[in-house]
Amino acid sequence: MKPPETPQNGKRRPASFTVEEEAISHGEAAPPVRRSPRSFEGEVVVTPDDQDPFVTPAELAPEAIPVAEPRARKKFSFVNLALAAFGTFLSLAFGLWADQVIRDLFSRADWLGYAALIALGAGLLAVAVIIGREIFGMMRLSAVQTLKTEAEEAILSPRPAAARTVVSRLAKILSHRAETARGRATLDATKDDIIDGPQLLELAERELLAPLDRKARALILGSSKRVSIVTAVSPRAVVDLAYVLFEVTRLIRAMAELYGGRPGTLGLMRLMRDVIAHLAVTGSIAVGDGLAQQVLGHGLASKLSKRLGEGVINGMLTARIGIAAMDLCRPLPFKAVKRPGIGDFISDIAAVGSRKDEE
């Protein structure tokens, strides 16, 4: 059919076209094509992975490519330089002073010089022992924290190898505690059993740490009661502060020794710093409306006098510090055993304050 002519203005006039009829009328579905089964001759060729262009080589896989970690830049500190310089200077000065003293004593009498040498040697030996104890105490604390980190990683893995390692190290750390003897025997009996890693750690937590957790609760409650009573009857705020500091220090040290830490003086100072940081992070250091609402919520404000109410609040603060120390010193995170809260100690601390008020 001849198409219509296009006029000069570029617009085409309407026209009709003839469309051939389709073999199948509208509305009818095409019949399915059925093919009889047959076999294919020849064998299927599978392309190896090393020759397949669409497969990424193993050496170019994302997990096989090493990632360069950023190097931590060591910052220069004038404080460290000053401490090192003055420490070296004082050490040299002490050496010269000791040498001069010993020479003067030898010039007067030989026995005085030998006595000075013996005294100096005994003093240096004692200092070396003290430094060694502090270093071992820091190492024990670091071992407990490292064990907790490894336990958190082993919980995420169902394989028992990592969990077995954590449990064996935990049993070794707590081997000096008589409360864990039964739990260690129970875990030794499961060496040939097939137990998933998370379940094995939960079993170790119940068998080894549950008896120690009960004793830790008793330590926290005892310290809280003593702080509550002493701060309620003491006449001076300085006495309150001094006793609270003494009781908190003793509680943190006892908590560390209970869970196998046994820190020295420097380790205890570091642990106290970590406890304060833990309280600051968790928001448990607040002493205002939070504790007041807890006291008022239990109806204690109407039963206690003002002074005894302050003692109860100080005891609750001590309990919170003890719970934070328990979190840090415990070798395993709380999973199978419920973590204690401040509500577990309020009634006992308030009962002490009520009895003291009645007296």
Protein backbone atom coordinates (compact mmCIF):
# COMPACT_ATOMS: atom_id res chain seq x y z
CA MET A 1 0.00 0.00 0.00
CA LYS A 2 1.31 3.37 -0.94
CA PRO A 3 1.82 5.58 2.10
CA PRO A 4 0.11 8.92 2.08
CA GLU A 5 2.04 11.87 0.90
CA THR A 6 3.36 14.23 3.54
CA PRO A 7 2.31 17.82 2.94
CA GLN A 8 4.77 20.62 2.85
CA ASN A 9 3.89 21.82 6.36
CA GLY A 10 5.38 18.54 7.85
CA LYS A 11 2.08 17.11 9.19
CA ARG A 12 0.81 13.75 7.95
CA ARG A 13 -2.84 13.25 7.14
CA PRO A 14 -4.78 10.42 8.83
CA ALA A 15 -4.89 7.15 6.82
CA SER A 16 -5.89 3.49 7.21
CA PHE A 17 -3.64 0.38 6.94
CA THR A 18 -4.45 -3.26 6.24
CA VAL A 19 -3.21 -5.74 8.91
CA GLU A 20 -3.00 -9.44 8.04
CA GLU A 21 -5.07 -11.72 10.23
CA GLU A 22 -3.14 -13.73 12.81
CA ALA A 23 -3.31 -17.47 12.79
CA ILE A 24 -4.76 -17.50 16.30
CA SER A 25 -7.80 -15.41 17.03
CA HIS A 26 -7.85 -13.03 19.97
CA GLY A 27 -8.79 -14.50 23.36
CA GLU A 28 -7.55 -18.03 22.61
CA ALA A 29 -4.41 -19.37 24.36
CA ALA A 30 -1.66 -20.91 22.32
CA PRO A 31 -1.52 -24.69 22.64
CA PRO A 32 1.42 -25.94 24.71
CA VAL A 33 4.33 -27.40 22.84
CA ARG A 34 5.03 -30.95 24.03
CA ARG A 35 8.43 -32.48 23.49
CA SER A 36 9.20 -36.10 23.92
CA PRO A 37 12.12 -36.89 26.24
CA ARG A 38 15.40 -37.70 24.65
CA SER A 39 19.02 -38.15 25.66
CA PHE A 40 21.91 -35.90 24.78
CA GLU A 41 25.01 -37.46 23.40
CA GLY A 42 28.41 -36.37 24.60
CA GLU A 43 29.68 -35.46 28.07
CA VAL A 44 29.29 -32.20 29.98
CA VAL A 45 32.52 -30.26 30.30
CA VAL A 46 32.97 -28.39 33.61
CA THR A 47 35.37 -25.46 33.52
CA PRO A 48 37.82 -25.50 36.46
CA ASP A 49 37.69 -22.56 38.85
CA ASP A 50 41.23 -21.47 38.00
CA GLN A 51 40.24 -21.19 34.31
CA ASP A 52 36.82 -19.65 34.84
CA PRO A 53 37.03 -15.94 34.00
CA PHE A 54 33.99 -15.20 36.17
CA VAL A 55 35.49 -16.63 39.39
CA THR A 56 37.71 -14.38 41.49
CA PRO A 57 41.11 -15.97 42.17
CA ALA A 58 41.80 -16.96 45.76
CA GLU A 59 44.76 -14.60 46.04
CA LEU A 60 42.53 -11.67 45.04
CA ALA A 61 39.69 -12.46 47.43
CA PRO A 62 38.84 -9.66 49.88
CA GLU A 63 39.78 -11.74 52.92
CA ALA A 64 43.11 -12.74 51.35
CA ILE A 65 44.25 -9.20 50.60
CA PRO A 66 46.15 -7.82 53.62
CA VAL A 67 44.92 -4.49 54.90
CA ALA A 68 47.56 -2.12 56.13
CA GLU A 69 46.70 -0.98 59.65
CA PRO A 70 47.41 2.65 60.48
CA ARG A 71 50.51 3.04 62.58
CA ALA A 72 49.91 4.64 65.91
CA ARG A 73 51.98 7.76 66.16
CA LYS A 74 53.96 8.06 69.35
CA LYS A 75 53.34 11.45 70.79
CA PHE A 76 56.28 13.23 72.36
CA SER A 77 55.54 14.22 75.95
CA PHE A 78 57.57 16.74 77.91
CA VAL A 79 56.12 15.27 81.12
CA ASN A 80 57.63 11.86 80.39
CA LEU A 81 60.92 13.51 79.42
CA ALA A 82 61.01 15.46 82.67
CA LEU A 83 60.20 12.39 84.76
CA ALA A 84 62.89 10.34 83.02
CA ALA A 85 65.49 13.10 83.37
CA PHE A 86 64.82 13.80 87.05
CA GLY A 87 64.59 10.09 87.81
CA THR A 88 68.02 9.50 86.27
CA PHE A 89 69.46 12.51 88.07
CA LEU A 90 68.10 11.44 91.46
CA SER A 91 69.37 7.89 90.92
CA LEU A 92 72.88 9.18 90.18
CA ALA A 93 72.72 11.53 93.16
CA PHE A 94 71.64 8.70 95.45
CA GLY A 95 74.44 6.51 94.13
CA LEU A 96 77.06 9.20 94.78
CA TRP A 97 75.65 9.91 98.23
CA ALA A 98 75.63 6.20 99.17
CA ASP A 99 79.18 5.77 97.85
CA GLN A 100 80.40 8.76 99.85
CA VAL A 101 78.68 7.56 103.03
CA ILE A 102 80.14 4.07 102.74
CA ARG A 103 83.64 5.46 102.07
CA ASP A 104 83.40 7.70 105.11
CA LEU A 105 82.28 4.81 107.29
CA PHE A 106 85.12 2.61 106.02
CA SER A 107 87.58 5.39 106.82
CA ARG A 108 86.35 5.43 110.41
CA ALA A 109 85.98 1.69 110.97
CA ASP A 110 85.75 -1.32 108.74
CA TRP A 111 82.79 -2.81 110.55
CA LEU A 112 80.81 0.40 110.01
CA GLY A 113 81.46 0.20 106.27
CA TYR A 114 80.41 -3.44 106.10
CA ALA A 115 77.29 -2.69 108.16
CA ALA A 116 76.38 0.10 105.73
CA LEU A 117 76.88 -2.23 102.74
CA ILE A 118 74.68 -4.89 104.31
CA ALA A 119 71.95 -2.35 105.11
CA LEU A 120 72.10 -0.90 101.60
CA GLY A 121 71.94 -4.37 100.03
CA ALA A 122 68.97 -5.40 102.21
CA GLY A 123 67.15 -2.19 101.30
CA LEU A 124 67.75 -2.66 97.57
CA LEU A 125 66.61 -6.29 97.81
CA ALA A 126 63.40 -5.24 99.59
CA VAL A 127 62.72 -2.58 96.95
CA ALA A 128 63.27 -5.16 94.18
CA VAL A 129 60.81 -7.56 95.89
CA ILE A 130 58.22 -4.80 96.23
CA ILE A 131 58.58 -3.85 92.57
CA GLY A 132 58.32 -7.51 91.55
CA ARG A 133 55.15 -7.97 93.60
CA GLU A 134 53.61 -4.89 92.01
CA ILE A 135 54.49 -6.15 88.54
CA PHE A 136 53.00 -9.59 89.23
CA GLY A 137 49.88 -7.96 90.66
CA MET A 138 49.43 -5.90 87.50
CA MET A 139 49.97 -9.02 85.41
CA ARG A 140 47.30 -10.91 87.35
CA LEU A 141 44.79 -8.10 86.83
CA SER A 142 45.63 -7.98 83.13
CA ALA A 143 45.22 -11.77 82.90
CA VAL A 144 41.70 -11.54 84.37
CA GLN A 145 40.70 -8.78 81.95
CA THR A 146 42.20 -10.68 79.01
CA LEU A 147 40.30 -13.79 80.03
CA LYS A 148 37.04 -11.85 80.07
CA THR A 149 37.72 -10.55 76.56
CA GLU A 150 38.51 -14.05 75.29
CA ALA A 151 35.33 -15.38 76.92
CA GLU A 152 33.22 -12.78 75.11
CA GLU A 153 34.80 -13.84 71.83
CA ALA A 154 34.33 -17.55 72.60
CA ILE A 155 30.62 -17.00 73.30
CA LEU A 156 30.14 -15.91 69.69
CA SER A 157 31.78 -19.09 68.37
CA PRO A 158 29.85 -22.40 68.59
CA ARG A 159 33.05 -24.44 68.47
CA PRO A 160 34.20 -25.63 71.91
CA ALA A 161 37.97 -25.27 71.40
CA ALA A 162 38.15 -21.61 72.43
CA ALA A 163 35.70 -22.17 75.28
CA ARG A 164 37.76 -25.14 76.56
CA THR A 165 40.84 -22.91 76.66
CA VAL A 166 38.98 -20.19 78.56
CA VAL A 167 37.55 -22.68 81.06
CA SER A 168 40.94 -24.28 81.72
CA ARG A 169 42.54 -20.89 82.33
CA LEU A 170 39.65 -19.88 84.58
CA ALA A 171 40.02 -23.05 86.63
CA LYS A 172 43.75 -22.35 86.98
CA ILE A 173 43.15 -18.79 88.17
CA LEU A 174 40.57 -19.93 90.74
CA SER A 175 42.42 -23.05 91.86
CA HIS A 176 43.32 -21.43 95.20
CA ARG A 177 39.65 -20.95 96.14
CA ALA A 178 38.13 -23.83 98.10
CA GLU A 179 34.63 -22.80 96.95
CA THR A 180 35.47 -23.82 93.39
CA ALA A 181 36.67 -27.37 94.13
CA ARG A 182 33.32 -28.97 93.36
CA GLY A 183 32.89 -26.93 90.20
CA ARG A 184 36.35 -27.82 88.94
CA ALA A 185 35.59 -31.51 89.50
CA THR A 186 32.34 -31.16 87.55
CA LEU A 187 34.10 -29.48 84.64
CA ASP A 188 36.84 -32.10 84.62
CA ALA A 189 34.17 -34.77 84.23
CA THR A 190 32.93 -33.10 81.02
CA LYS A 191 36.25 -33.19 79.15
CA ASP A 192 35.13 -36.05 76.92
CA ASP A 193 31.60 -34.71 76.41
CA ILE A 194 30.49 -32.79 73.31
CA ILE A 195 29.31 -29.36 74.49
CA ASP A 196 29.00 -26.20 72.45
CA GLY A 197 31.18 -23.28 73.41
CA PRO A 198 28.47 -20.95 74.81
CA GLN A 199 26.89 -23.74 76.86
CA LEU A 200 30.29 -24.76 78.23
CA LEU A 201 30.99 -21.20 79.38
CA GLU A 202 27.56 -20.99 81.00
CA LEU A 203 28.28 -24.25 82.84
CA ALA A 204 31.63 -22.89 84.02
CA GLU A 205 29.95 -19.68 85.17
CA ARG A 206 27.37 -21.57 87.24
CA GLU A 207 29.82 -24.09 88.69
CA LEU A 208 32.87 -21.89 89.32
CA LEU A 209 31.63 -18.31 89.70
CA ALA A 210 28.22 -18.74 91.32
CA PRO A 211 29.73 -19.61 94.77
CA LEU A 212 32.09 -16.65 94.47
CA ASP A 213 29.22 -14.38 93.42
CA ARG A 214 27.37 -15.23 96.64
CA LYS A 215 30.44 -14.34 98.66
CA ALA A 216 30.87 -11.12 96.67
CA ARG A 217 27.29 -10.16 97.51
CA ALA A 218 28.07 -10.78 101.18
CA LEU A 219 31.15 -8.54 100.94
CA ILE A 220 29.18 -5.74 99.30
CA LEU A 221 26.37 -5.99 101.83
CA GLY A 222 28.76 -6.04 104.79
CA SER A 223 30.65 -2.96 103.60
CA SER A 224 27.41 -1.12 102.85
CA LYS A 225 26.04 -1.85 106.32
CA ARG A 226 29.23 -0.69 108.04
CA VAL A 227 29.32 2.52 106.00
CA SER A 228 25.66 3.15 106.72
CA ILE A 229 26.10 2.75 110.47
CA VAL A 230 29.39 4.66 110.84
CA THR A 231 28.34 7.62 108.71
CA ALA A 232 25.05 7.81 110.58
CA VAL A 233 26.66 8.13 114.03
CA SER A 234 29.91 9.96 113.20
CA PRO A 235 29.98 13.62 114.26
CA ARG A 236 32.18 14.98 111.46
CA ALA A 237 31.98 14.89 107.69
CA VAL A 238 35.75 14.37 107.54
CA VAL A 239 35.33 11.15 109.52
CA ASP A 240 32.62 10.04 107.11
CA LEU A 241 34.81 10.69 104.08
CA ALA A 242 37.86 8.98 105.60
CA TYR A 243 35.90 5.88 106.63
CA VAL A 244 34.09 5.59 103.30
CA LEU A 245 37.43 5.80 101.47
CA PHE A 246 38.91 3.14 103.76
CA GLU A 247 35.92 0.83 103.37
CA VAL A 248 35.73 1.24 99.59
CA THR A 249 39.45 0.52 99.23
CA ARG A 250 39.15 -2.61 101.35
CA LEU A 251 36.07 -3.74 99.42
CA ILE A 252 37.75 -3.34 96.02
CA ARG A 253 40.85 -5.21 97.19
CA ALA A 254 38.74 -8.03 98.65
CA MET A 255 36.72 -8.25 95.43
CA ALA A 256 39.88 -8.54 93.33
CA GLU A 257 41.35 -11.22 95.61
CA LEU A 258 38.07 -13.15 95.56
CA TYR A 259 38.13 -13.49 91.77
CA GLY A 260 41.85 -14.26 91.53
CA GLY A 261 43.27 -10.79 90.90
CA ARG A 262 45.29 -10.20 94.12
CA PRO A 263 46.60 -6.75 93.14
CA GLY A 264 49.42 -4.82 94.78
CA THR A 265 49.37 -1.15 95.73
CA LEU A 266 49.77 0.15 92.19
CA GLY A 267 47.36 -2.46 90.86
CA LEU A 268 44.81 -1.43 93.49
CA MET A 269 45.14 2.22 92.49
CA ARG A 270 44.64 1.28 88.87
CA LEU A 271 41.62 -0.86 89.76
CA MET A 272 40.09 2.00 91.76
CA ARG A 273 40.57 4.29 88.77
CA ASP A 274 38.84 1.75 86.54
CA VAL A 275 35.97 1.42 89.01
CA ILE A 276 35.44 5.18 89.04
CA ALA A 277 35.57 5.24 85.24
CA HIS A 278 33.06 2.38 85.12
CA LEU A 279 30.71 4.26 87.41
CA ALA A 280 31.04 7.38 85.30
CA VAL A 281 30.30 5.47 82.09
CA THR A 282 27.31 3.58 83.47
CA GLY A 283 25.88 6.66 85.16
CA SER A 284 25.85 4.99 88.57
CA ILE A 285 27.74 7.78 90.30
CA ALA A 286 24.69 10.04 90.43
CA VAL A 287 23.76 10.75 94.02
CA GLY A 288 20.85 13.10 93.57
CA ASP A 289 17.34 12.23 92.51
CA GLY A 290 18.12 8.59 91.67
CA LEU A 291 18.96 7.49 95.18
CA ALA A 292 16.40 9.80 96.73
CA GLN A 293 13.66 8.25 94.61
CA GLN A 294 14.82 4.76 95.56
CA VAL A 295 14.72 5.64 99.25
CA LEU A 296 11.37 7.40 99.01
CA GLY A 297 9.96 4.64 96.83
CA HIS A 298 10.49 2.13 99.62
CA GLY A 299 8.82 4.36 102.19
CA LEU A 300 12.02 4.85 104.17
CA ALA A 301 11.97 8.62 104.39
CA SER A 302 9.08 8.54 106.85
CA LYS A 303 10.73 5.86 109.01
CA LEU A 304 14.30 7.18 109.26
CA SER A 305 15.66 10.36 110.69
CA LYS A 306 17.67 12.76 108.54
CA ARG A 307 21.04 11.54 109.80
CA LEU A 308 20.18 7.88 109.37
CA GLY A 309 18.78 8.64 105.92
CA GLU A 310 22.17 10.03 104.93
CA GLY A 311 23.79 6.88 106.27
CA VAL A 312 21.48 4.71 104.18
CA ILE A 313 22.31 6.73 101.04
CA ASN A 314 26.04 6.39 101.76
CA GLY A 315 25.57 2.65 102.17
CA MET A 316 23.77 2.45 98.84
CA LEU A 317 26.59 4.36 97.17
CA THR A 318 29.05 1.87 98.64
CA ALA A 319 26.94 -0.96 97.25
CA ARG A 320 27.05 0.62 93.80
CA ILE A 321 30.83 0.88 93.97
CA GLY A 322 30.97 -2.78 95.03
CA ILE A 323 28.79 -3.83 92.08
CA ALA A 324 31.07 -1.91 89.70
CA ALA A 325 34.14 -3.60 91.23
CA MET A 326 32.39 -6.95 90.83
CA ASP A 327 31.83 -6.23 87.14
CA LEU A 328 35.49 -5.41 86.60
CA CYS A 329 37.05 -8.16 88.71
CA ARG A 330 34.80 -11.01 87.55
CA PRO A 331 36.64 -13.20 84.98
CA LEU A 332 33.49 -13.94 82.94
CA PRO A 333 30.64 -11.64 81.90
CA PHE A 334 27.20 -12.17 83.39
CA LYS A 335 25.34 -14.60 81.12
CA ALA A 336 23.98 -17.62 82.99
CA VAL A 337 23.91 -15.86 86.38
CA LYS A 338 21.86 -12.74 87.06
CA ARG A 339 23.88 -9.59 87.65
CA PRO A 340 23.15 -8.07 91.08
CA GLY A 341 21.59 -4.64 91.23
CA ILE A 342 21.23 -1.92 93.81
CA GLY A 343 17.68 -3.12 94.48
CA ASP A 344 19.07 -6.36 95.93
CA PHE A 345 20.68 -4.45 98.81
CA ILE A 346 18.19 -1.67 99.57
CA SER A 347 16.01 -3.65 101.95
CA ASP A 348 18.96 -4.99 103.97
CA ILE A 349 20.63 -1.58 104.25
CA ALA A 350 17.35 0.09 105.18
CA ALA A 351 16.68 -2.58 107.81
CA VAL A 352 19.95 -1.67 109.52
CA GLY A 353 18.97 2.00 109.50
CA SER A 354 15.50 1.21 110.90
CA ARG A 355 16.95 -0.84 113.78
CA LYS A 356 19.44 1.90 114.56
CA ASP A 357 16.69 4.50 114.57
CA GLU A 358 14.59 2.42 116.97
CA GLU A 359 17.54 2.10 119.34
